[in-house]
């Protein structure tokens, strides 16, 4: 936006690319995680989770 020669991709292009990357990496990540020996630390950020209940 600050540089006039920059072409910003459309939302549908970004969505398509994200879905393609997910599809290409899903099996590899599943195999990697299933073959992991030992403990695995997972961190979940509840502040940015879309299912956080907000009280009024």
PDB file of N, CA and C in Angstrom:
ATOM      1  N   UNK A   1       0.810  -1.179   0.000  1.00  0.00           N
ATOM      2  CA  UNK A   1       0.000   0.000   0.000  1.00  0.00           C
ATOM      3  C   UNK A   1       0.863   1.256   0.000  1.00  0.00           C
ATOM      4  N   UNK A   2       2.051   1.135   0.564  1.00  0.00           N
ATOM      5  CA  UNK A   2       2.957   2.273   0.539  1.00  0.00           C
ATOM      6  C   UNK A   2       3.782   2.283  -0.741  1.00  0.00           C
ATOM      7  N   UNK A   3       3.783   1.171  -1.441  1.00  0.00           N
ATOM      8  CA  UNK A   3       4.537   1.062  -2.684  1.00  0.00           C
ATOM      9  C   UNK A   3       3.556   0.745  -3.805  1.00  0.00           C
ATOM     10  N   UNK A   4       3.454   1.598  -4.791  1.00  0.00           N
ATOM     11  CA  UNK A   4       2.430   1.480  -5.832  1.00  0.00           C
ATOM     12  C   UNK A   4       2.612   0.265  -6.743  1.00  0.00           C
ATOM     13  N   UNK A   5       3.787  -0.345  -6.750  1.00  0.00           N
ATOM     14  CA  UNK A   5       4.021  -1.496  -7.627  1.00  0.00           C
ATOM     15  C   UNK A   5       3.715  -2.840  -6.964  1.00  0.00           C
ATOM     16  N   UNK A   6       3.218  -2.813  -5.758  1.00  0.00           N
ATOM     17  CA  UNK A   6       2.910  -4.045  -5.039  1.00  0.00           C
ATOM     18  C   UNK A   6       1.520  -4.529  -5.418  1.00  0.00           C
ATOM     19  N   UNK A   7       1.429  -5.813  -5.777  1.00  0.00           N
ATOM     20  CA  UNK A   7       0.154  -6.416  -6.122  1.00  0.00           C
ATOM     21  C   UNK A   7      -0.336  -7.229  -4.921  1.00  0.00           C
ATOM     22  N   UNK A   8      -1.434  -6.828  -4.315  1.00  0.00           N
ATOM     23  CA  UNK A   8      -1.982  -7.508  -3.146  1.00  0.00           C
ATOM     24  C   UNK A   8      -2.925  -8.609  -3.634  1.00  0.00           C
ATOM     25  N   UNK A   9      -2.703  -9.854  -3.195  1.00  0.00           N
ATOM     26  CA  UNK A   9      -3.564 -10.944  -3.654  1.00  0.00           C
ATOM     27  C   UNK A   9      -4.981 -10.812  -3.103  1.00  0.00           C
ATOM     28  N   UNK A  10      -5.925 -11.358  -3.833  1.00  0.00           N
ATOM     29  CA  UNK A  10      -7.325 -11.300  -3.416  1.00  0.00           C
ATOM     30  C   UNK A  10      -7.565 -12.262  -2.253  1.00  0.00           C
ATOM     31  N   UNK A  11      -8.629 -12.048  -1.485  1.00  0.00           N
ATOM     32  CA  UNK A  11      -8.957 -12.973  -0.390  1.00  0.00           C
ATOM     33  C   UNK A  11      -9.157 -14.408  -0.880  1.00  0.00           C
ATOM     34  N   UNK A  12      -9.739 -14.582  -2.061  1.00  0.00           N
ATOM     35  CA  UNK A  12      -9.946 -15.940  -2.574  1.00  0.00           C
ATOM     36  C   UNK A  12      -8.613 -16.615  -2.921  1.00  0.00           C
ATOM     37  N   UNK A  13      -7.652 -15.852  -3.399  1.00  0.00           N
ATOM     38  CA  UNK A  13      -6.322 -16.406  -3.679  1.00  0.00           C
ATOM     39  C   UNK A  13      -5.642 -16.846  -2.392  1.00  0.00           C
ATOM     40  N   UNK A  14      -5.715 -16.030  -1.370  1.00  0.00           N
ATOM     41  CA  UNK A  14      -5.107 -16.380  -0.083  1.00  0.00           C
ATOM     42  C   UNK A  14      -5.790 -17.614   0.504  1.00  0.00           C
ATOM     43  N   UNK A  15      -7.120 -17.647   0.454  1.00  0.00           N
ATOM     44  CA  UNK A  15      -7.864 -18.795   0.963  1.00  0.00           C
ATOM     45  C   UNK A  15      -7.474 -20.066   0.227  1.00  0.00           C
ATOM     46  N   UNK A  16      -7.397 -20.002  -1.085  1.00  0.00           N
ATOM     47  CA  UNK A  16      -7.021 -21.169  -1.887  1.00  0.00           C
ATOM     48  C   UNK A  16      -5.621 -21.646  -1.532  1.00  0.00           C
ATOM     49  N   UNK A  17      -4.687 -20.704  -1.370  1.00  0.00           N
ATOM     50  CA  UNK A  17      -3.303 -21.061  -1.040  1.00  0.00           C
ATOM     51  C   UNK A  17      -3.198 -21.696   0.343  1.00  0.00           C
ATOM     52  N   UNK A  18      -3.930 -21.160   1.308  1.00  0.00           N
ATOM     53  CA  UNK A  18      -3.910 -21.726   2.665  1.00  0.00           C
ATOM     54  C   UNK A  18      -4.483 -23.137   2.650  1.00  0.00           C
ATOM     55  N   UNK A  19      -5.593 -23.337   1.947  1.00  0.00           N
ATOM     56  CA  UNK A  19      -6.189 -24.669   1.862  1.00  0.00           C
ATOM     57  C   UNK A  19      -5.247 -25.659   1.176  1.00  0.00           C
ATOM     58  N   UNK A  20      -4.556 -25.213   0.153  1.00  0.00           N
ATOM     59  CA  UNK A  20      -3.611 -26.082  -0.543  1.00  0.00           C
ATOM     60  C   UNK A  20      -2.444 -26.467   0.363  1.00  0.00           C
ATOM     61  N   UNK A  21      -1.906 -25.496   1.104  1.00  0.00           N
ATOM     62  CA  UNK A  21      -0.796 -25.789   2.018  1.00  0.00           C
ATOM     63  C   UNK A  21      -1.237 -26.743   3.124  1.00  0.00           C
ATOM     64  N   UNK A  22      -2.452 -26.557   3.626  1.00  0.00           N
ATOM     65  CA  UNK A  22      -2.982 -27.467   4.645  1.00  0.00           C
ATOM     66  C   UNK A  22      -3.070 -28.881   4.084  1.00  0.00           C
ATOM     67  N   UNK A  23      -3.621 -28.997   2.890  1.00  0.00           N
ATOM     68  CA  UNK A  23      -3.781 -30.304   2.251  1.00  0.00           C
ATOM     69  C   UNK A  23      -2.429 -30.980   2.024  1.00  0.00           C
ATOM     70  N   UNK A  24      -1.440 -30.220   1.571  1.00  0.00           N
ATOM     71  CA  UNK A  24      -0.118 -30.778   1.296  1.00  0.00           C
ATOM     72  C   UNK A  24       0.638 -31.174   2.566  1.00  0.00           C
ATOM     73  N   UNK A  25       0.409 -30.479   3.664  1.00  0.00           N
ATOM     74  CA  UNK A  25       1.196 -30.722   4.874  1.00  0.00           C
ATOM     75  C   UNK A  25       0.491 -31.601   5.905  1.00  0.00           C
ATOM     76  N   UNK A  26      -0.811 -31.817   5.770  1.00  0.00           N
ATOM     77  CA  UNK A  26      -1.579 -32.547   6.782  1.00  0.00           C
ATOM     78  C   UNK A  26      -1.021 -33.947   7.034  1.00  0.00           C
ATOM     79  N   UNK A  27      -0.779 -34.723   6.003  1.00  0.00           N
ATOM     80  CA  UNK A  27      -0.272 -36.088   6.166  1.00  0.00           C
ATOM     81  C   UNK A  27       1.121 -36.089   6.772  1.00  0.00           C
ATOM     82  N   UNK A  28       1.989 -35.216   6.287  1.00  0.00           N
ATOM     83  CA  UNK A  28       3.361 -35.152   6.808  1.00  0.00           C
ATOM     84  C   UNK A  28       3.370 -34.821   8.295  1.00  0.00           C
ATOM     85  N   UNK A  29       2.573 -33.857   8.703  1.00  0.00           N
ATOM     86  CA  UNK A  29       2.530 -33.462  10.119  1.00  0.00           C
ATOM     87  C   UNK A  29       1.947 -34.583  10.967  1.00  0.00           C
ATOM     88  N   UNK A  30       0.912 -35.262  10.473  1.00  0.00           N
ATOM     89  CA  UNK A  30       0.315 -36.374  11.210  1.00  0.00           C
ATOM     90  C   UNK A  30       1.344 -37.485  11.440  1.00  0.00           C
ATOM     91  N   UNK A  31       2.084 -37.849  10.405  1.00  0.00           N
ATOM     92  CA  UNK A  31       3.112 -38.895  10.530  1.00  0.00           C
ATOM     93  C   UNK A  31       4.195 -38.450  11.493  1.00  0.00           C
ATOM     94  N   UNK A  32       4.618 -37.207  11.385  1.00  0.00           N
ATOM     95  CA  UNK A  32       5.655 -36.681  12.272  1.00  0.00           C
ATOM     96  C   UNK A  32       5.220 -36.746  13.740  1.00  0.00           C
ATOM     97  N   UNK A  33       3.998 -36.308  14.018  1.00  0.00           N
ATOM     98  CA  UNK A  33       3.518 -36.310  15.403  1.00  0.00           C
ATOM     99  C   UNK A  33       3.301 -37.726  15.932  1.00  0.00           C
ATOM    100  N   UNK A  34       2.804 -38.627  15.095  1.00  0.00           N
ATOM    101  CA  UNK A  34       2.570 -40.000  15.531  1.00  0.00           C
ATOM    102  C   UNK A  34       3.874 -40.749  15.780  1.00  0.00           C
ATOM    103  N   UNK A  35       4.932 -40.370  15.098  1.00  0.00           N
ATOM    104  CA  UNK A  35       6.211 -41.054  15.274  1.00  0.00           C
ATOM    105  C   UNK A  35       7.062 -40.427  16.381  1.00  0.00           C
ATOM    106  N   UNK A  36       6.599 -39.341  16.960  1.00  0.00           N
ATOM    107  CA  UNK A  36       7.360 -38.657  18.015  1.00  0.00           C
ATOM    108  C   UNK A  36       7.407 -39.523  19.267  1.00  0.00           C
ATOM    109  N   UNK A  37       8.588 -39.697  19.800  1.00  0.00           N
ATOM    110  CA  UNK A  37       8.770 -40.465  21.036  1.00  0.00           C
ATOM    111  C   UNK A  37       9.013 -39.480  22.165  1.00  0.00           C
ATOM    112  N   UNK A  38       8.283 -39.638  23.228  1.00  0.00           N
ATOM    113  CA  UNK A  38       8.452 -38.768  24.378  1.00  0.00           C
ATOM    114  C   UNK A  38       7.274 -37.831  24.537  1.00  0.00           C
ATOM    115  N   UNK A  39       7.477 -36.817  25.334  1.00  0.00           N
ATOM    116  CA  UNK A  39       6.413 -35.866  25.620  1.00  0.00           C
ATOM    117  C   UNK A  39       6.387 -34.751  24.583  1.00  0.00           C
ATOM    118  N   UNK A  40       5.211 -34.183  24.426  1.00  0.00           N
ATOM    119  CA  UNK A  40       5.034 -33.090  23.485  1.00  0.00           C
ATOM    120  C   UNK A  40       4.270 -31.982  24.200  1.00  0.00           C
ATOM    121  N   UNK A  41       4.849 -30.808  24.240  1.00  0.00           N
ATOM    122  CA  UNK A  41       4.217 -29.675  24.915  1.00  0.00           C
ATOM    123  C   UNK A  41       3.351 -28.900  23.927  1.00  0.00           C
ATOM    124  N   UNK A  42       2.089 -28.702  24.290  1.00  0.00           N
ATOM    125  CA  UNK A  42       1.187 -27.903  23.477  1.00  0.00           C
ATOM    126  C   UNK A  42       0.737 -26.703  24.294  1.00  0.00           C
ATOM    127  N   UNK A  43       0.804 -25.537  23.729  1.00  0.00           N
ATOM    128  CA  UNK A  43       0.348 -24.320  24.402  1.00  0.00           C
ATOM    129  C   UNK A  43      -0.884 -23.799  23.671  1.00  0.00           C
ATOM    130  N   UNK A  44      -1.908 -23.443  24.430  1.00  0.00           N
ATOM    131  CA  UNK A  44      -3.134 -22.916  23.846  1.00  0.00           C
ATOM    132  C   UNK A  44      -3.345 -21.506  24.377  1.00  0.00           C
ATOM    133  N   UNK A  45      -3.570 -20.581  23.471  1.00  0.00           N
ATOM    134  CA  UNK A  45      -3.783 -19.195  23.851  1.00  0.00           C
ATOM    135  C   UNK A  45      -5.279 -18.922  23.909  1.00  0.00           C
ATOM    136  N   UNK A  46      -5.835 -18.939  25.097  1.00  0.00           N
ATOM    137  CA  UNK A  46      -7.272 -18.733  25.274  1.00  0.00           C
ATOM    138  C   UNK A  46      -7.723 -17.308  25.011  1.00  0.00           C
ATOM    139  N   UNK A  47      -6.806 -16.369  25.039  1.00  0.00           N
ATOM    140  CA  UNK A  47      -7.191 -14.972  24.818  1.00  0.00           C
ATOM    141  C   UNK A  47      -7.609 -14.728  23.378  1.00  0.00           C
ATOM    142  N   UNK A  48      -6.982 -15.418  22.447  1.00  0.00           N
ATOM    143  CA  UNK A  48      -7.305 -15.192  21.045  1.00  0.00           C
ATOM    144  C   UNK A  48      -8.178 -16.289  20.459  1.00  0.00           C
ATOM    145  N   UNK A  49      -8.546 -17.265  21.274  1.00  0.00           N
ATOM    146  CA  UNK A  49      -9.401 -18.341  20.792  1.00  0.00           C
ATOM    147  C   UNK A  49     -10.784 -17.802  20.458  1.00  0.00           C
ATOM    148  N   UNK A  50     -11.361 -18.206  19.319  1.00  0.00           N
ATOM    149  CA  UNK A  50     -12.663 -17.672  18.930  1.00  0.00           C
ATOM    150  C   UNK A  50     -13.823 -18.148  19.809  1.00  0.00           C
ATOM    151  N   UNK A  51     -13.602 -19.165  20.643  1.00  0.00           N
ATOM    152  CA  UNK A  51     -14.693 -19.659  21.462  1.00  0.00           C
ATOM    153  C   UNK A  51     -14.597 -19.189  22.919  1.00  0.00           C
ATOM    154  N   UNK A  52     -13.907 -18.101  23.160  1.00  0.00           N
ATOM    155  CA  UNK A  52     -13.810 -17.513  24.503  1.00  0.00           C
ATOM    156  C   UNK A  52     -15.127 -16.785  24.811  1.00  0.00           C
ATOM    157  N   UNK A  53     -15.689 -17.078  25.966  1.00  0.00           N
ATOM    158  CA  UNK A  53     -16.922 -16.419  26.378  1.00  0.00           C
ATOM    159  C   UNK A  53     -16.591 -15.045  26.966  1.00  0.00           C
ATOM    160  N   UNK A  54     -17.263 -14.042  26.514  1.00  0.00           N
ATOM    161  CA  UNK A  54     -17.037 -12.676  26.997  1.00  0.00           C
ATOM    162  C   UNK A  54     -18.253 -12.274  27.827  1.00  0.00           C
ATOM    163  N   UNK A  55     -18.001 -11.947  29.074  1.00  0.00           N
ATOM    164  CA  UNK A  55     -19.090 -11.516  29.960  1.00  0.00           C
ATOM    165  C   UNK A  55     -19.385 -10.039  29.804  1.00  0.00           C
ATOM    166  N   UNK A  56     -20.591  -9.672  30.125  1.00  0.00           N
ATOM    167  CA  UNK A  56     -20.946  -8.249  30.010  1.00  0.00           C
ATOM    168  C   UNK A  56     -20.993  -7.581  31.352  1.00  0.00           C
TER     169      UNK A  56
END
